[in-house]
Protein backbone atom coordinates (compact mmCIF):
# COMPACT_ATOMS: atom_id res chain seq x y z
CA UNK A 1 -0.29 -0.32 0.23
CA UNK A 2 1.15 3.39 -0.90
CA UNK A 3 -0.03 6.20 1.55
CA UNK A 4 -0.19 9.89 -0.05
CA UNK A 5 -0.14 13.35 1.65
CA UNK A 6 -0.25 16.69 -0.72
CA UNK A 7 0.69 19.13 1.48
CA UNK A 8 0.35 23.09 0.72
CA UNK A 9 1.86 25.27 3.24
CA UNK A 10 0.65 28.90 3.21
CA UNK A 11 2.92 32.05 2.99
CA UNK A 12 4.73 33.09 6.07
CA UNK A 13 4.64 29.78 8.28
CA UNK A 14 7.83 29.87 10.60
CA UNK A 15 9.13 27.05 12.60
CA UNK A 16 7.75 28.63 15.63
CA UNK A 17 4.01 27.88 14.41
CA UNK A 18 4.57 24.65 12.17
CA UNK A 19 1.68 23.39 9.94
CA UNK A 20 0.47 19.57 11.07
CA UNK A 21 -0.65 16.81 8.47
CA UNK A 22 -1.65 13.22 9.65
CA UNK A 23 -1.11 10.79 7.65
CA UNK A 24 -3.50 7.60 8.50
CA UNK A 25 -1.87 4.57 7.97
CA UNK A 26 -2.59 1.01 8.93
CA UNK A 27 -0.29 -1.43 11.25
CA UNK A 28 2.38 -2.75 9.46
CA UNK A 29 6.12 -2.16 8.13
CA UNK A 30 7.13 0.98 5.94
CA UNK A 31 9.62 0.04 3.57
CA UNK A 32 9.60 2.37 1.23
CA UNK A 33 9.47 6.79 2.03
CA UNK A 34 9.79 9.50 -0.85
CA UNK A 35 9.54 13.42 -0.42
CA UNK A 36 8.95 15.12 -3.68
CA UNK A 37 9.30 19.12 -3.30
CA UNK A 38 8.52 20.97 -6.99
CA UNK A 39 10.00 23.58 -8.39
CA UNK A 40 9.61 26.87 -6.71
CA UNK A 41 10.24 26.66 -2.88
CA UNK A 42 14.36 27.55 -3.14
CA UNK A 43 14.51 26.16 0.53
CA UNK A 44 12.12 28.28 2.22
CA UNK A 45 9.95 25.30 2.78
CA UNK A 46 11.08 22.26 5.15
CA UNK A 47 9.04 18.70 6.38
CA UNK A 48 9.61 16.51 9.15
CA UNK A 49 7.83 13.51 10.24
CA UNK A 50 7.29 12.25 14.02
CA UNK A 51 5.63 9.16 15.10
CA UNK A 52 4.25 10.68 18.68
CA UNK A 53 7.10 12.20 20.07
CA UNK A 54 9.80 10.51 17.88
CA UNK A 55 11.05 12.05 14.94
CA UNK A 56 11.08 9.65 12.27
CA UNK A 57 12.35 10.92 8.95
CA UNK A 58 15.02 12.92 9.29
CA UNK A 59 16.21 11.39 12.08
CA UNK A 60 18.46 14.58 12.91
CA UNK A 61 16.11 15.56 15.75
CA UNK A 62 14.87 19.30 14.66
CA UNK A 63 16.40 18.92 11.17
CA UNK A 64 13.67 19.00 7.97
CA UNK A 65 14.12 17.99 4.55
CA UNK A 66 14.06 20.69 2.39
CA UNK A 67 14.68 21.23 -1.63
CA UNK A 68 12.98 22.71 -4.67
CA UNK A 69 12.63 19.90 -8.22
CA UNK A 70 13.86 17.25 -6.22
CA UNK A 71 12.71 14.41 -5.03
CA UNK A 72 14.42 12.89 -1.99
CA UNK A 73 13.67 8.61 -1.94
CA UNK A 74 15.03 6.03 0.23
CA UNK A 75 14.71 2.58 1.42
CA UNK A 76 13.32 1.64 5.35
CA UNK A 77 12.33 -0.63 8.12
CA UNK A 78 10.00 1.34 10.22
CA UNK A 79 7.63 -1.55 12.20
CA UNK A 80 4.38 0.36 12.96
CA UNK A 81 2.85 -2.01 15.92
CA UNK A 82 0.95 0.53 18.03
CA UNK A 83 -1.83 2.65 18.19
CA UNK A 84 -2.81 5.42 17.14
CA UNK A 85 -1.83 4.39 13.48
CA UNK A 86 -0.80 7.69 11.84
CA UNK A 87 2.35 9.65 11.39
CA UNK A 88 2.39 13.84 11.72
CA UNK A 89 3.94 15.79 9.41
CA UNK A 90 5.05 18.84 10.16
CA UNK A 91 6.13 22.08 7.59
CA UNK A 92 7.17 25.70 7.43
CA UNK A 93 6.87 28.16 4.89
CA UNK A 94 9.75 31.38 5.24
CA UNK A 95 8.27 32.69 2.09
CA UNK A 96 6.21 35.86 1.99
CA UNK A 97 4.26 35.56 -1.12
CA UNK A 98 3.25 32.32 -2.24
CA UNK A 99 2.45 28.95 -0.66
CA UNK A 100 4.44 25.81 -1.50
CA UNK A 101 3.88 22.26 -2.06
CA UNK A 102 5.94 19.19 -0.91
CA UNK A 103 4.57 15.24 -1.53
CA UNK A 104 4.96 12.54 1.23
CA UNK A 105 4.94 8.84 0.00
CA UNK A 106 5.28 6.05 2.45
CA UNK A 107 5.12 2.41 1.55
CA UNK A 108 4.20 0.23 3.87
CA UNK A 109 2.53 -3.71 4.22
CA UNK A 110 0.74 -4.85 6.90
CA UNK A 111 0.06 -8.86 5.61
CA UNK A 112 2.57 -10.47 6.95
CA UNK A 113 3.79 -12.37 4.10
CA UNK A 114 4.55 -9.58 2.20
CA UNK A 115 6.50 -8.58 5.70
CA UNK A 116 8.55 -11.49 4.91
CA UNK A 117 10.15 -10.51 1.66
CA UNK A 118 12.34 -7.74 3.74
CA UNK A 119 13.29 -10.66 5.57
CA UNK A 120 16.84 -11.20 6.00
CA UNK A 121 19.03 -13.85 4.59
CA UNK A 122 19.76 -15.52 8.17
CA UNK A 123 15.53 -16.50 8.46
CA UNK A 124 12.96 -16.61 10.80
CA UNK A 125 15.07 -16.08 13.82
CA UNK A 126 17.49 -13.45 12.36
CA UNK A 127 14.17 -11.71 11.68
CA UNK A 128 13.06 -11.80 14.80
CA UNK A 129 16.44 -10.57 16.79
CA UNK A 130 16.37 -7.49 13.94
CA UNK A 131 12.48 -6.68 15.47
CA UNK A 132 13.70 -7.09 19.36
CA UNK A 133 16.81 -4.37 18.81
CA UNK A 134 15.01 -2.24 16.57
CA UNK A 135 12.19 -2.03 19.00
CA UNK A 136 14.31 -1.25 21.80
CA UNK A 137 16.61 1.45 19.98
CA UNK A 138 14.15 3.28 19.34
CA UNK A 139 12.53 3.98 22.80
CA UNK A 140 15.85 4.51 23.44
CA UNK A 141 16.22 7.15 20.80
CA UNK A 142 12.83 8.36 21.97
CA UNK A 143 13.76 9.12 25.48
CA UNK A 144 17.01 10.71 23.79
CA UNK A 145 14.70 12.86 21.61
CA UNK A 146 12.44 14.10 24.20
CA UNK A 147 15.08 16.07 25.99
CA UNK A 148 16.51 17.09 22.77
CA UNK A 149 13.24 18.34 21.33
CA UNK A 150 12.75 20.76 23.61
CA UNK A 151 15.94 23.03 22.18
CA UNK A 152 14.06 22.19 18.97
CA UNK A 153 11.31 23.79 16.26
CA UNK A 154 9.19 20.91 18.06
CA UNK A 155 9.36 21.74 21.84
CA UNK A 156 5.82 22.33 21.96
CA UNK A 157 4.78 18.44 20.98
CA UNK A 158 7.16 17.92 24.97
CA UNK A 159 5.07 20.81 26.48
CA UNK A 160 1.86 19.12 24.98
CA UNK A 161 2.03 15.25 25.72
CA UNK A 162 4.63 14.99 28.74
CA UNK A 163 2.11 13.49 31.38
CA UNK A 164 1.17 10.68 28.46
CA UNK A 165 5.07 9.96 28.46
CA UNK A 166 5.89 10.13 31.81
CA UNK A 167 2.89 7.52 32.64
CA UNK A 168 4.69 4.98 30.10
CA UNK A 169 7.39 5.65 32.34
CA UNK A 170 5.89 5.24 35.55
CA UNK A 171 4.40 1.85 34.31
CA UNK A 172 7.16 0.61 32.89
CA UNK A 173 9.41 2.08 36.31
CA UNK A 174 8.31 1.90 39.34
CA UNK A 175 10.66 3.96 41.69
CA UNK A 176 9.78 4.23 45.49
CA UNK A 177 10.24 7.19 48.00
CA UNK A 178 13.92 7.02 49.39
CA UNK A 179 14.99 4.14 46.59
CA UNK A 180 19.02 4.25 45.91
CA UNK A 181 21.05 4.72 42.89
CA UNK A 182 21.84 0.78 42.75
CA UNK A 183 18.00 0.13 42.90
CA UNK A 184 17.07 2.77 40.93
CA UNK A 185 19.68 1.12 38.14
CA UNK A 186 18.38 -2.44 39.44
CA UNK A 187 14.28 -1.30 38.56
CA UNK A 188 15.57 0.21 34.95
CA UNK A 189 17.26 -3.10 34.29
CA UNK A 190 14.07 -4.79 35.35
CA UNK A 191 11.63 -2.90 33.21
CA UNK A 192 14.14 -2.88 30.07
CA UNK A 193 14.11 -6.69 30.73
CA UNK A 194 10.29 -6.64 30.65
CA UNK A 195 9.48 -4.74 27.48
CA UNK A 196 12.28 -6.71 25.84
CA UNK A 197 10.44 -9.89 27.25
CA UNK A 198 7.08 -8.70 25.87
CA UNK A 199 8.54 -7.61 22.43
CA UNK A 200 10.16 -11.21 21.69
CA UNK A 201 6.99 -12.31 22.42
CA UNK A 202 5.12 -10.47 20.07
CA UNK A 203 7.84 -11.26 17.24
CA UNK A 204 7.91 -14.76 18.31
CA UNK A 205 4.09 -14.84 17.48
CA UNK A 206 5.05 -12.51 14.41
CA UNK A 207 7.68 -15.40 13.65
CA UNK A 208 5.97 -18.02 13.92
CA UNK A 209 3.01 -16.75 11.47
CA UNK A 210 5.47 -15.98 8.75
CA UNK A 211 7.20 -19.32 9.23
CA UNK A 212 4.24 -21.30 8.56
CA UNK A 213 3.01 -18.97 5.66
CA UNK A 214 6.68 -19.37 4.13
CA UNK A 215 6.46 -23.19 5.00
CA UNK A 216 3.06 -23.30 3.02
CA UNK A 217 4.35 -21.12 0.06
CA UNK A 218 7.33 -23.38 -0.55
CA UNK A 219 4.60 -26.58 -0.55
CA UNK A 220 2.90 -25.15 -3.29
CA UNK A 221 5.66 -24.01 -4.93
CA UNK A 222 7.21 -27.58 -4.81
CA UNK A 223 4.03 -29.15 -5.89
CA UNK A 224 3.42 -26.24 -8.66
CA UNK A 225 7.33 -27.00 -9.67
CA UNK A 226 6.76 -31.47 -9.89
CA UNK A 227 3.52 -30.14 -11.72
CA UNK A 228 5.48 -28.27 -14.30
CA UNK A 229 8.22 -31.14 -14.55
CA UNK A 230 5.77 -33.31 -15.29
CA UNK A 231 3.66 -31.46 -18.20
CA UNK A 232 7.19 -30.30 -19.85
CA UNK A 233 8.56 -33.95 -19.76
CA UNK A 234 5.25 -34.86 -21.58
CA UNK A 235 5.42 -32.03 -23.77
CA UNK A 236 9.19 -32.94 -24.79
CA UNK A 237 7.97 -36.59 -25.74
CA UNK A 238 5.75 -35.37 -28.10
CA UNK A 239 7.43 -33.03 -29.59
CA UNK A 240 10.11 -35.78 -30.42
CA UNK A 241 7.59 -37.77 -31.92
CA UNK A 242 6.22 -35.11 -34.12
CA UNK A 243 9.73 -34.03 -35.16
CA UNK A 244 10.97 -37.60 -36.48
CA UNK A 245 7.71 -37.95 -38.02
CA UNK A 246 7.96 -34.96 -39.72
CA UNK A 247 11.29 -33.80 -39.74
CA UNK A 248 12.50 -35.70 -42.70
CA UNK A 249 9.28 -34.97 -44.73
CA UNK A 250 9.73 -31.08 -44.05
CA UNK A 251 13.25 -31.00 -45.06
CA UNK A 252 12.49 -33.69 -48.33
CA UNK A 253 9.93 -30.85 -49.37
CA UNK A 254 12.06 -27.98 -48.51
CA UNK A 255 15.01 -29.23 -50.52
CA UNK A 256 12.82 -29.91 -53.34
CA UNK A 257 11.60 -26.12 -53.50
CA UNK A 258 15.03 -24.88 -53.37
CA UNK A 259 15.75 -26.94 -55.98
CA UNK A 260 12.89 -25.73 -58.20
CA UNK A 261 14.34 -22.15 -56.86
CA UNK A 262 17.67 -22.98 -58.32
CA UNK A 263 16.02 -23.90 -61.40
CA UNK A 264 14.44 -20.72 -62.03
CA UNK A 265 17.68 -19.10 -61.08
CA UNK A 266 19.43 -20.94 -63.75
CA UNK A 267 16.88 -20.11 -66.74
CA UNK A 268 17.11 -16.58 -65.19
CA UNK A 269 20.45 -16.68 -65.51
CA UNK A 270 20.76 -17.86 -68.89
CA UNK A 271 18.37 -15.32 -70.20
CA UNK A 272 20.01 -12.54 -68.57
CA UNK A 273 23.66 -13.47 -70.62
CA UNK A 274 21.47 -14.24 -73.64
CA UNK A 275 19.96 -10.59 -73.08
CA UNK A 276 23.25 -8.98 -72.67
CA UNK A 277 24.33 -10.70 -75.96
CA UNK A 278 21.70 -9.38 -78.08
CA UNK A 279 21.93 -6.29 -76.65
CA UNK A 280 25.55 -6.41 -77.50
CA UNK A 281 25.09 -7.34 -80.72
CA UNK A 282 22.29 -4.53 -81.53
CA UNK A 283 25.17 -1.77 -79.81
CA UNK A 284 27.08 -3.32 -81.94
CA UNK A 285 25.20 -3.41 -85.51
CA UNK A 286 23.86 0.32 -84.41
CA UNK A 287 27.43 1.68 -84.39
CA UNK A 288 28.78 0.11 -87.45
CA UNK A 289 25.50 1.10 -89.14
CA UNK A 290 26.18 4.71 -88.11
CA UNK A 291 29.53 4.62 -89.06
CA UNK A 292 28.66 3.39 -92.27
CA UNK A 293 26.12 5.93 -92.49
CA UNK A 294 28.66 8.60 -91.86
CA UNK A 295 31.23 6.86 -94.47
CA UNK A 296 28.42 6.82 -96.99
CA UNK A 297 27.97 10.66 -96.71
CA UNK A 298 31.21 11.58 -96.79
CA UNK A 299 32.05 10.05 -99.92
CA UNK A 300 29.00 11.19 -101.25
CA UNK A 301 30.49 15.05 -100.54
CA UNK A 302 34.22 14.20 -102.02
CA UNK A 303 32.22 12.92 -105.38
CA UNK A 304 29.88 16.37 -105.44
CA UNK A 305 33.71 17.92 -104.85
CA UNK A 306 35.07 15.63 -107.45
CA UNK A 307 32.41 16.54 -109.47
CA UNK A 308 32.83 20.58 -109.02
CA UNK A 309 36.88 20.25 -108.90
CA UNK A 310 35.79 18.33 -113.06
CA UNK A 311 33.30 21.35 -113.50
CA UNK A 312 36.30 23.79 -112.51
CA UNK A 313 38.68 22.14 -115.08
CA UNK A 314 36.61 22.44 -117.50
CA UNK A 315 35.67 26.15 -116.92
CA UNK A 316 39.74 25.98 -117.22
CA UNK A 317 40.53 24.37 -119.87
CA UNK A 318 37.76 26.82 -121.59
CA UNK A 319 39.30 29.75 -120.46
CA UNK A 320 43.16 28.61 -121.88
CA UNK A 321 41.30 28.02 -125.52
CA UNK A 322 40.16 31.36 -124.95
CA UNK A 323 43.61 32.83 -124.20
CA UNK A 324 45.30 30.58 -126.87
CA UNK A 325 42.63 31.94 -129.39
CA UNK A 326 43.58 35.37 -127.96
CA UNK A 327 47.26 34.64 -128.12
CA UNK A 328 46.85 33.94 -132.25
CA UNK A 329 44.31 36.83 -132.60
CA UNK A 330 47.12 39.12 -130.30
CA UNK A 331 49.86 38.74 -133.06
CA UNK A 332 51.31 41.65 -132.78
CA UNK A 333 52.31 40.85 -128.86
CA UNK A 334 55.33 38.88 -127.84
CA UNK A 335 53.48 35.24 -128.34
CA UNK A 336 56.38 33.08 -126.69
CA UNK A 337 56.68 35.89 -123.78
CA UNK A 338 52.51 35.64 -123.39
CA UNK A 339 52.28 31.55 -123.54
CA UNK A 340 55.04 31.03 -121.30
CA UNK A 341 52.91 33.27 -118.94
CA UNK A 342 49.78 31.86 -119.36
CA UNK A 343 51.40 27.61 -118.91
CA UNK A 344 53.12 29.49 -115.79
CA UNK A 345 49.57 30.51 -114.31
CA UNK A 346 48.08 27.17 -115.64
CA UNK A 347 50.90 25.19 -113.98
CA UNK A 348 50.56 27.02 -111.00
CA UNK A 349 46.60 26.18 -110.70
CA UNK A 350 46.95 22.75 -111.48
CA UNK A 351 49.95 22.67 -108.61
CA UNK A 352 47.24 24.00 -106.51
CA UNK A 353 44.45 21.95 -107.71
CA UNK A 354 46.94 18.61 -106.72
CA UNK A 355 47.69 20.00 -103.47
CA UNK A 356 44.02 20.64 -102.74
CA UNK A 357 42.64 16.85 -104.02
CA UNK A 358 45.90 15.46 -102.25
CA UNK A 359 45.00 17.49 -98.70
CA UNK A 360 41.25 16.52 -98.97
CA UNK A 361 42.36 12.31 -99.56
CA UNK A 362 44.19 12.52 -96.56
CA UNK A 363 41.90 14.25 -94.63
CA UNK A 364 38.74 11.84 -95.34
CA UNK A 365 41.50 8.61 -95.31
CA UNK A 366 42.09 10.17 -91.60
CA UNK A 367 38.45 10.99 -90.91
CA UNK A 368 37.69 7.60 -92.19
CA UNK A 369 40.58 6.08 -89.95
CA UNK A 370 39.40 7.92 -86.97
CA UNK A 371 36.02 7.36 -87.05
CA UNK A 372 36.60 3.40 -87.33
CA UNK A 373 38.81 3.60 -84.32
CA UNK A 374 36.85 5.48 -82.18
CA UNK A 375 33.34 3.46 -82.98
CA UNK A 376 35.65 -0.29 -82.22
CA UNK A 377 36.73 2.02 -79.11
CA UNK A 378 33.24 2.78 -77.84
CA UNK A 379 32.18 -0.52 -78.85
CA UNK A 380 35.08 -2.38 -76.98
CA UNK A 381 34.11 -0.04 -73.71
CA UNK A 382 30.18 -0.83 -73.80
CA UNK A 383 31.18 -4.68 -74.41
CA UNK A 384 33.28 -4.22 -71.11
CA UNK A 385 31.05 -2.10 -69.23
CA UNK A 386 28.18 -5.17 -70.22
CA UNK A 387 30.73 -7.82 -69.56
CA UNK A 388 31.32 -6.29 -65.69
CA UNK A 389 27.91 -6.06 -65.23
CA UNK A 390 27.26 -9.42 -66.05
CA UNK A 391 30.33 -10.49 -63.66
CA UNK A 392 28.52 -8.38 -61.20
CA UNK A 393 25.61 -10.16 -61.53
CA UNK A 394 27.35 -13.73 -61.43
CA UNK A 395 28.93 -12.96 -58.11
CA UNK A 396 25.29 -11.48 -56.39
CA UNK A 397 23.54 -15.23 -58.06
CA UNK A 398 26.79 -17.19 -56.64
CA UNK A 399 26.65 -15.35 -53.63
CA UNK A 400 22.69 -15.99 -52.71
CA UNK A 401 23.58 -19.77 -53.97
CA UNK A 402 26.34 -20.13 -51.09
CA UNK A 403 23.34 -18.00 -48.70
CA UNK A 404 20.69 -20.83 -49.52
CA UNK A 405 23.34 -23.50 -49.05
CA UNK A 406 23.97 -22.05 -45.83
CA UNK A 407 19.99 -21.37 -44.81
CA UNK A 408 19.40 -25.52 -45.89
CA UNK A 409 22.77 -26.14 -43.17
CA UNK A 410 20.63 -24.23 -40.36
CA UNK A 411 17.60 -25.57 -41.28
CA UNK A 412 18.95 -28.73 -40.98
CA UNK A 413 20.16 -28.09 -38.01
CA UNK A 414 17.33 -26.37 -36.27
CA UNK A 415 15.17 -29.02 -37.44
CA UNK A 416 17.59 -31.28 -34.92
CA UNK A 417 18.20 -29.09 -31.99
CA UNK A 418 14.28 -27.84 -31.73
CA UNK A 419 13.11 -30.76 -31.31
CA UNK A 420 10.41 -29.26 -28.89
CA UNK A 421 8.35 -27.47 -31.65
CA UNK A 422 5.37 -28.73 -33.33
CA UNK A 423 5.32 -29.52 -36.77
CA UNK A 424 2.99 -26.41 -37.69
CA UNK A 425 6.10 -23.77 -36.62
CA UNK A 426 8.31 -24.83 -38.73
CA UNK A 427 6.63 -25.56 -42.20
CA UNK A 428 5.27 -21.61 -41.06
CA UNK A 429 9.08 -20.84 -40.59
CA UNK A 430 9.71 -22.07 -43.66
CA UNK A 431 7.04 -20.97 -45.58
CA UNK A 432 8.06 -17.95 -44.61
CA UNK A 433 11.90 -18.33 -45.61
CA UNK A 434 10.76 -19.37 -48.98
CA UNK A 435 8.48 -16.22 -49.37
CA UNK A 436 11.72 -13.88 -48.77
CA UNK A 437 13.37 -16.08 -51.40
CA UNK A 438 10.45 -15.43 -53.98
CA UNK A 439 10.56 -11.46 -53.08
CA UNK A 440 14.18 -11.92 -54.23
CA UNK A 441 13.70 -13.54 -57.29
CA UNK A 442 10.95 -11.01 -57.98
CA UNK A 443 13.19 -7.81 -57.41
CA UNK A 444 16.19 -9.82 -59.07
CA UNK A 445 13.66 -10.68 -62.34
CA UNK A 446 12.87 -6.47 -61.60
CA UNK A 447 15.83 -5.52 -61.73
CA UNK A 448 16.78 -7.87 -65.03
CA UNK A 449 14.44 -6.15 -67.18
CA UNK A 450 15.32 -2.72 -66.13
CA UNK A 451 18.63 -3.91 -67.23
CA UNK A 452 17.48 -5.21 -70.65
CA UNK A 453 15.66 -2.12 -71.31
CA UNK A 454 18.79 0.32 -70.09
CA UNK A 455 20.72 -1.86 -72.72
CA UNK A 456 18.31 -1.19 -75.45
CA UNK A 457 17.68 2.11 -75.30
CA UNK A 458 21.87 3.01 -75.52
CA UNK A 459 22.40 4.67 -79.05
CA UNK A 460 25.58 5.82 -81.27
CA UNK A 461 25.79 9.55 -81.50
CA UNK A 462 28.53 11.08 -83.52
CA UNK A 463 29.81 14.67 -82.17
CA UNK A 464 32.81 17.03 -83.93
CA UNK A 465 35.36 19.26 -82.17
CA UNK A 466 34.74 22.43 -83.69
CA UNK A 467 36.03 25.92 -82.75
CA UNK A 468 36.75 24.89 -79.42
CA UNK A 469 33.76 22.86 -78.50
CA UNK A 470 31.73 20.09 -79.35
CA UNK A 471 28.80 19.84 -82.38
CA UNK A 472 26.40 17.00 -83.24
CA UNK A 473 25.48 18.25 -86.48
CA UNK A 474 27.59 17.52 -89.58
CA UNK A 475 30.73 19.63 -90.79
CA UNK A 476 31.10 20.86 -94.40
CA UNK A 477 33.96 19.14 -96.45
CA UNK A 478 36.57 21.75 -96.07
CA UNK A 479 35.52 21.95 -92.62
CA UNK A 480 36.07 18.12 -92.23
CA UNK A 481 40.16 18.31 -92.45
CA UNK A 482 40.09 20.05 -89.48
CA UNK A 483 37.84 18.70 -87.29
CA UNK A 484 37.76 16.21 -84.67
CA UNK A 485 35.07 13.91 -84.07
CA UNK A 486 33.78 11.52 -81.19
CA UNK A 487 31.02 8.74 -81.20
CA UNK A 488 28.89 8.34 -78.20
CA UNK A 489 27.14 5.48 -76.71
CA UNK A 490 24.89 7.26 -73.99
CA UNK A 491 27.51 6.51 -71.26
């Protein structure tokens, strides 16, 4: 049981006029104590707990627990064995503006069976001696506190209840008139022995009841343990029979399913290889077709240029004929000088035409060689990348196959070790593993389709280097000799 007191102390409550709050409890053992101070009190409020004239918490007479946004919590063993069954909480608050709150919590067990939880390892006898010692020490501290409390903020307690304590003392120690100190010491010793005997009798009764309850509890636990052991033995035997009957069947079925999965993986691998080969062939054919088209276009341009050169040569020949006719007509001029001059001009023109034609042929040859080399290089790069992707996929498939083999080994080991599991549990686990494998196969199939689509989408394009940048359009015949080109396959 947990007893709680939410104590709100008004402002201007000094230590000379403490606020008293009573916490009603039952007979029993206090095992846990907590004091919570919310933020804001800043040490201006304090609390102390009494049992009659005995200051219980804190144990220092006249002192208080104080704090702000702090939780004071500790274990204790305080046996509340005599009426009135209550604790008195005294608080003060020196704040002149605000009231402040403190929350007091007491954990108490009243049933003797629960008290046994706090019994020391020595057993009932040790617990009995501990209770006797605690009672005697408490009475001795109470007598000491009676004198000390008169000099603390709690002196009003001694002033309001001295008669009760004196009566109790007179009942314990009856002192006749004219008694000597030795007689007084003897009477006190006899009174202490009497109190100890009474406490011993009470403790013996409590310990006896606790021992009986513990013996009954131990007997019930032993019976329950024996029943559980018998039930476990029966379950183990049944699980063993079920495992022997179904483990081999389940494993064979699982192996068949794994073989089917391996077959599907092999077919998927063949399909992947075929798709990659087809993609490579298609890319190579596209590259060759693109290169052939480029060469054909250049050849057409060269034929047009040759035709233009032939027309130009024909025009030159006609010009020469006209010049020759003029030479004949201009007989008065120096025929030899004019002819030699014309011949020199024609020779220079023929030389220039031959050099230009040679340069053009050389440029076309270099361009064709460069285009062919770059096309072959790009096709080789595409093939190399596809081979790398295929190798990576083969590595993944090998790892997956190894994982499957390890899974089969683990399943077989688990089938041997987990004899207590039922057949339905094993089947559900295998089904879950198969579902996971199907999911991996579906993902792998989707990745293959995606790779195939990407391979089919790859194209080869021609780019030419002109004026410090790359151009996709085809240059003119005269610019061909001054341009570089590159083939792009989409990478």
